Amino acid sequence: MFGRNKSTTEESIAYIKEKEDEMEQKRSLLLVLATLSTTVTYAAGLNPPGGFWPDSSASHLAGDPALRDYYPRRFKAFMACNDTAFAGSLFIIVMLLSNTAADHVVESNALRLCVLISLFGLMAAYAAGSCREVHTSIYVFTLVGAVLLYLIIQWIATIVPRPEFVSKCIKWAKAEKNKLILKLKSFLTDNTSTSSEQEMPLALDQQQPSDHDITSTVSDVKDDIRKLRTYLLLLGILAATITY
């Protein structure tokens, strides 16, 4: 009985630690994203697309934005969206650096809304500042609309309660994912096994893995997947920064 209680306590501590690590990772990634967003929007606000007039004339002064004279509506849209993304990124940084209920901040709807507004401002500012022709504008706005729709669906999915059928489908998908992870881990382990492992007795090979081994395997694979997601996210942030 005491052994069972001890095992339950250890599992609870491990679960809490895993959730804390996950929260800290989300907080760090959001902080990196908000910092880079603040940097690029600040630079774009001081150096808008089209550059500045090098000299003065009857219609403009030296140092005025050239885009404002040729496309005034696009210039206003670019500045409004860029300023919105800049302000939203600053607000995200302030929220993430606050020590008051840091865990609740990461999971709060206010933070999700700020991230959504900042990303929308970035995409809209990029579309307004880079489009020159009609077909290019349609292509860019279609991509922006698709990304925005995906972000809205992701945000609404965390607020709206799921029907019972959807919850069952999600549980089934998670169970199938865990089975696939175990098969993948077993396949990789079999391919990388040494000759000494191949000479183990047949009785040991026929032993079924324990629950602890399965949990450890799933945890290791989840860590690898989490690291891969982190690398891909940083790569995407770098690509977005360069293209913007």
Protein backbone atom coordinates (compact mmCIF):
# COMPACT_ATOMS: atom_id res chain seq x y z
CA MET A 1 0.00 0.00 0.00
CA PHE A 2 2.77 2.41 0.94
CA GLY A 3 4.68 1.41 -2.18
CA ARG A 4 1.65 2.20 -4.33
CA ASN A 5 1.22 5.60 -2.68
CA LYS A 6 4.91 6.34 -3.21
CA SER A 7 4.64 5.40 -6.88
CA THR A 8 1.58 7.63 -7.29
CA THR A 9 3.40 10.53 -5.61
CA GLU A 10 6.41 10.11 -7.89
CA GLU A 11 4.15 10.07 -10.96
CA SER A 12 2.42 13.24 -9.76
CA ILE A 13 5.75 14.99 -9.19
CA ALA A 14 6.99 13.90 -12.63
CA TYR A 15 3.77 15.12 -14.25
CA ILE A 16 3.97 18.50 -12.51
CA LYS A 17 7.63 18.88 -13.51
CA GLU A 18 6.78 17.99 -17.11
CA LYS A 19 4.01 20.60 -17.20
CA GLU A 20 6.33 23.22 -15.69
CA ASP A 21 9.02 22.46 -18.28
CA GLU A 22 6.44 22.67 -21.05
CA MET A 23 5.18 26.03 -19.75
CA GLU A 24 8.73 27.38 -19.52
CA GLN A 25 9.47 26.25 -23.06
CA LYS A 26 6.31 27.90 -24.40
CA ARG A 27 7.19 31.08 -22.51
CA SER A 28 10.73 31.11 -23.93
CA LEU A 29 9.59 30.52 -27.51
CA LEU A 30 6.91 33.20 -27.28
CA LEU A 31 9.45 35.60 -25.83
CA VAL A 32 11.84 34.94 -28.73
CA LEU A 33 9.02 35.37 -31.25
CA ALA A 34 7.84 38.62 -29.66
CA THR A 35 11.39 40.00 -29.47
CA LEU A 36 12.07 39.33 -33.15
CA SER A 37 8.67 40.73 -34.10
CA THR A 38 9.44 43.90 -32.16
CA THR A 39 12.82 44.19 -33.88
CA VAL A 40 11.54 43.81 -37.44
CA THR A 41 8.52 46.08 -36.95
CA TYR A 42 10.68 48.76 -35.33
CA ALA A 43 13.12 48.64 -38.25
CA ALA A 44 10.29 48.65 -40.80
CA GLY A 45 8.65 51.64 -39.12
CA LEU A 46 11.85 53.68 -39.35
CA ASN A 47 12.59 52.47 -42.89
CA PRO A 48 9.28 51.88 -44.72
CA PRO A 49 9.17 50.13 -48.12
CA GLY A 50 10.03 52.38 -51.03
CA GLY A 51 12.57 54.37 -49.04
CA PHE A 52 12.68 58.14 -48.70
CA TRP A 53 12.99 61.00 -51.13
CA PRO A 54 16.64 62.07 -51.41
CA ASP A 55 15.82 65.67 -52.32
CA SER A 56 13.05 68.23 -52.01
CA SER A 57 10.60 69.36 -54.69
CA ALA A 58 7.22 71.02 -54.97
CA SER A 59 5.34 67.85 -54.00
CA HIS A 60 7.57 66.48 -51.26
CA LEU A 61 10.46 67.19 -48.95
CA ALA A 62 13.73 65.33 -48.55
CA GLY A 63 13.29 62.47 -46.11
CA ASP A 64 9.56 61.96 -46.76
CA PRO A 65 8.46 58.37 -47.50
CA ALA A 66 8.15 57.78 -51.24
CA LEU A 67 5.38 55.21 -50.79
CA ARG A 68 3.14 57.82 -49.18
CA ASP A 69 3.14 59.96 -52.34
CA TYR A 70 2.60 57.13 -54.84
CA TYR A 71 0.29 54.85 -52.84
CA PRO A 72 -1.13 56.81 -49.88
CA ARG A 73 -3.70 54.15 -48.94
CA ARG A 74 -1.14 51.38 -48.96
CA PHE A 75 1.21 53.49 -46.90
CA LYS A 76 -1.47 54.17 -44.28
CA ALA A 77 -2.40 50.47 -44.17
CA PHE A 78 1.25 49.48 -43.83
CA MET A 79 1.94 51.92 -41.01
CA ALA A 80 -1.26 51.00 -39.13
CA CYS A 81 -0.61 47.25 -39.34
CA ASN A 82 3.08 47.61 -38.58
CA ASP A 83 2.38 49.80 -35.54
CA THR A 84 -0.27 47.32 -34.35
CA ALA A 85 2.20 44.43 -34.59
CA PHE A 86 4.86 46.48 -32.81
CA ALA A 87 2.54 47.41 -29.93
CA GLY A 88 1.22 43.86 -29.65
CA SER A 89 4.74 42.44 -29.51
CA LEU A 90 5.71 44.86 -26.75
CA PHE A 91 2.61 43.91 -24.79
CA ILE A 92 3.46 40.20 -25.16
CA ILE A 93 6.97 40.83 -23.85
CA VAL A 94 5.62 42.72 -20.83
CA MET A 95 3.14 39.92 -20.07
CA LEU A 96 5.76 37.17 -20.37
CA LEU A 97 8.32 39.02 -18.24
CA SER A 98 5.78 39.60 -15.48
CA ASN A 99 6.34 37.40 -12.43
CA THR A 100 2.67 37.54 -11.45
CA ALA A 101 0.93 34.26 -12.36
CA ALA A 102 3.38 33.43 -15.14
CA ASP A 103 1.78 30.04 -15.79
CA HIS A 104 -1.67 31.57 -16.17
CA VAL A 105 -0.30 34.20 -18.53
CA VAL A 106 1.06 31.59 -20.94
CA GLU A 107 -2.31 29.82 -21.08
CA SER A 108 -4.45 32.98 -20.98
CA ASN A 109 -6.75 34.04 -23.79
CA ALA A 110 -5.38 37.58 -23.59
CA LEU A 111 -1.93 36.35 -24.61
CA ARG A 112 -3.40 34.29 -27.46
CA LEU A 113 -5.30 37.34 -28.65
CA CYS A 114 -2.15 39.48 -28.55
CA VAL A 115 -0.22 36.85 -30.52
CA LEU A 116 -3.04 36.66 -33.07
CA ILE A 117 -3.16 40.45 -33.44
CA SER A 118 0.63 40.71 -33.78
CA LEU A 119 0.79 37.99 -36.43
CA PHE A 120 -2.11 39.54 -38.32
CA GLY A 121 -0.39 42.93 -38.19
CA LEU A 122 2.86 41.44 -39.50
CA MET A 123 1.14 39.63 -42.37
CA ALA A 124 -1.02 42.61 -43.31
CA ALA A 125 1.94 45.00 -43.17
CA TYR A 126 4.00 42.67 -45.36
CA ALA A 127 1.15 42.38 -47.86
CA ALA A 128 0.58 46.15 -47.96
CA GLY A 129 4.26 46.97 -48.32
CA SER A 130 5.31 44.33 -50.84
CA CYS A 131 2.45 44.12 -53.35
CA ARG A 132 2.85 45.99 -56.63
CA GLU A 133 0.60 44.22 -59.16
CA VAL A 134 -2.91 42.79 -58.99
CA HIS A 135 -2.02 39.10 -59.36
CA THR A 136 0.77 39.43 -56.80
CA SER A 137 -1.59 41.12 -54.37
CA ILE A 138 -4.19 38.37 -54.78
CA TYR A 139 -1.57 35.68 -54.19
CA VAL A 140 -0.18 37.35 -51.07
CA PHE A 141 -3.59 38.12 -49.56
CA THR A 142 -4.73 34.54 -50.22
CA LEU A 143 -1.76 33.18 -48.27
CA VAL A 144 -2.33 35.70 -45.49
CA GLY A 145 -6.02 34.77 -45.32
CA ALA A 146 -5.23 31.05 -45.11
CA VAL A 147 -2.73 31.55 -42.29
CA LEU A 148 -5.10 33.89 -40.46
CA LEU A 149 -7.97 31.40 -40.76
CA TYR A 150 -5.78 28.65 -39.31
CA LEU A 151 -4.76 30.88 -36.38
CA ILE A 152 -8.39 31.80 -35.67
CA ILE A 153 -9.43 28.13 -35.69
CA GLN A 154 -6.58 27.26 -33.31
CA TRP A 155 -7.59 30.06 -30.97
CA ILE A 156 -11.32 29.27 -31.02
CA ALA A 157 -10.66 25.56 -30.47
CA THR A 158 -9.26 26.30 -27.01
CA ILE A 159 -12.29 28.37 -25.99
CA VAL A 160 -15.32 26.60 -27.46
CA PRO A 161 -16.19 23.35 -25.62
CA ARG A 162 -15.68 20.29 -27.78
CA PRO A 163 -18.57 17.88 -28.47
CA GLU A 164 -18.30 14.39 -27.03
CA PHE A 165 -17.68 12.88 -30.46
CA VAL A 166 -14.76 15.23 -31.10
CA SER A 167 -13.27 14.47 -27.67
CA LYS A 168 -13.44 10.73 -28.37
CA CYS A 169 -11.76 11.24 -31.74
CA ILE A 170 -8.98 13.26 -30.11
CA LYS A 171 -8.42 10.55 -27.46
CA TRP A 172 -8.34 7.87 -30.16
CA ALA A 173 -5.85 9.90 -32.21
CA LYS A 174 -3.60 10.36 -29.16
CA ALA A 175 -3.71 6.63 -28.41
CA GLU A 176 -2.80 5.79 -32.00
CA LYS A 177 0.00 8.34 -31.86
CA ASN A 178 1.44 6.71 -28.74
CA LYS A 179 1.31 3.30 -30.42
CA LEU A 180 3.07 4.69 -33.47
CA ILE A 181 5.73 6.28 -31.25
CA LEU A 182 6.36 2.95 -29.53
CA LYS A 183 6.66 1.15 -32.86
CA LEU A 184 9.04 3.81 -34.16
CA LYS A 185 11.16 3.63 -31.02
CA SER A 186 11.23 -0.17 -31.20
CA PHE A 187 12.25 -0.03 -34.86
CA LEU A 188 15.07 2.42 -34.16
CA THR A 189 16.25 0.39 -31.17
CA ASP A 190 16.31 -2.84 -33.17
CA ASN A 191 18.32 -1.23 -35.97
CA THR A 192 20.91 0.24 -33.60
CA SER A 193 21.28 -2.78 -31.30
CA THR A 194 24.79 -4.11 -30.77
CA SER A 195 26.02 -7.66 -31.15
CA SER A 196 26.05 -8.16 -27.39
CA GLU A 197 22.37 -7.38 -27.24
CA GLN A 198 21.68 -9.91 -29.99
CA GLU A 199 23.30 -12.68 -27.89
CA MET A 200 20.89 -12.23 -24.99
CA PRO A 201 18.82 -15.26 -24.02
CA LEU A 202 15.58 -15.91 -25.85
CA ALA A 203 13.65 -15.68 -22.63
CA LEU A 204 14.69 -12.06 -22.21
CA ASP A 205 13.67 -11.26 -25.78
CA GLN A 206 10.22 -12.61 -25.18
CA GLN A 207 9.63 -10.49 -22.11
CA GLN A 208 6.98 -7.82 -22.46
CA PRO A 209 8.04 -4.25 -21.70
CA SER A 210 6.88 -2.90 -18.40
CA ASP A 211 4.71 0.17 -17.94
CA HIS A 212 7.74 2.11 -16.73
CA ASP A 213 9.67 1.24 -19.90
CA ILE A 214 6.74 2.27 -22.09
CA THR A 215 6.34 5.56 -20.23
CA SER A 216 10.07 6.24 -20.46
CA THR A 217 10.06 5.46 -24.18
CA VAL A 218 7.13 7.75 -24.87
CA SER A 219 8.76 10.50 -22.80
CA ASP A 220 12.04 10.21 -24.72
CA VAL A 221 10.32 10.34 -28.09
CA LYS A 222 8.20 13.30 -26.98
CA ASP A 223 11.37 15.12 -25.95
CA ASP A 224 12.88 14.47 -29.38
CA ILE A 225 9.72 15.69 -31.10
CA ARG A 226 9.66 18.77 -28.87
CA LYS A 227 13.26 19.57 -29.76
CA LEU A 228 12.50 19.14 -33.46
CA ARG A 229 9.52 21.49 -33.16
CA THR A 230 11.73 24.03 -31.41
CA TYR A 231 14.34 23.91 -34.17
CA LEU A 232 11.68 24.21 -36.89
CA LEU A 233 10.05 27.12 -35.08
CA LEU A 234 13.36 28.96 -34.77
CA LEU A 235 14.05 28.28 -38.45
CA GLY A 236 10.63 29.65 -39.37
CA ILE A 237 11.19 32.75 -37.24
CA LEU A 238 14.55 33.33 -38.92
CA ALA A 239 13.02 32.93 -42.39
CA ALA A 240 10.16 35.30 -41.53
CA THR A 241 12.62 37.87 -40.18
CA ILE A 242 14.77 37.77 -43.31
CA THR A 243 11.84 37.95 -45.75
CA TYR A 244 10.15 40.75 -43.81
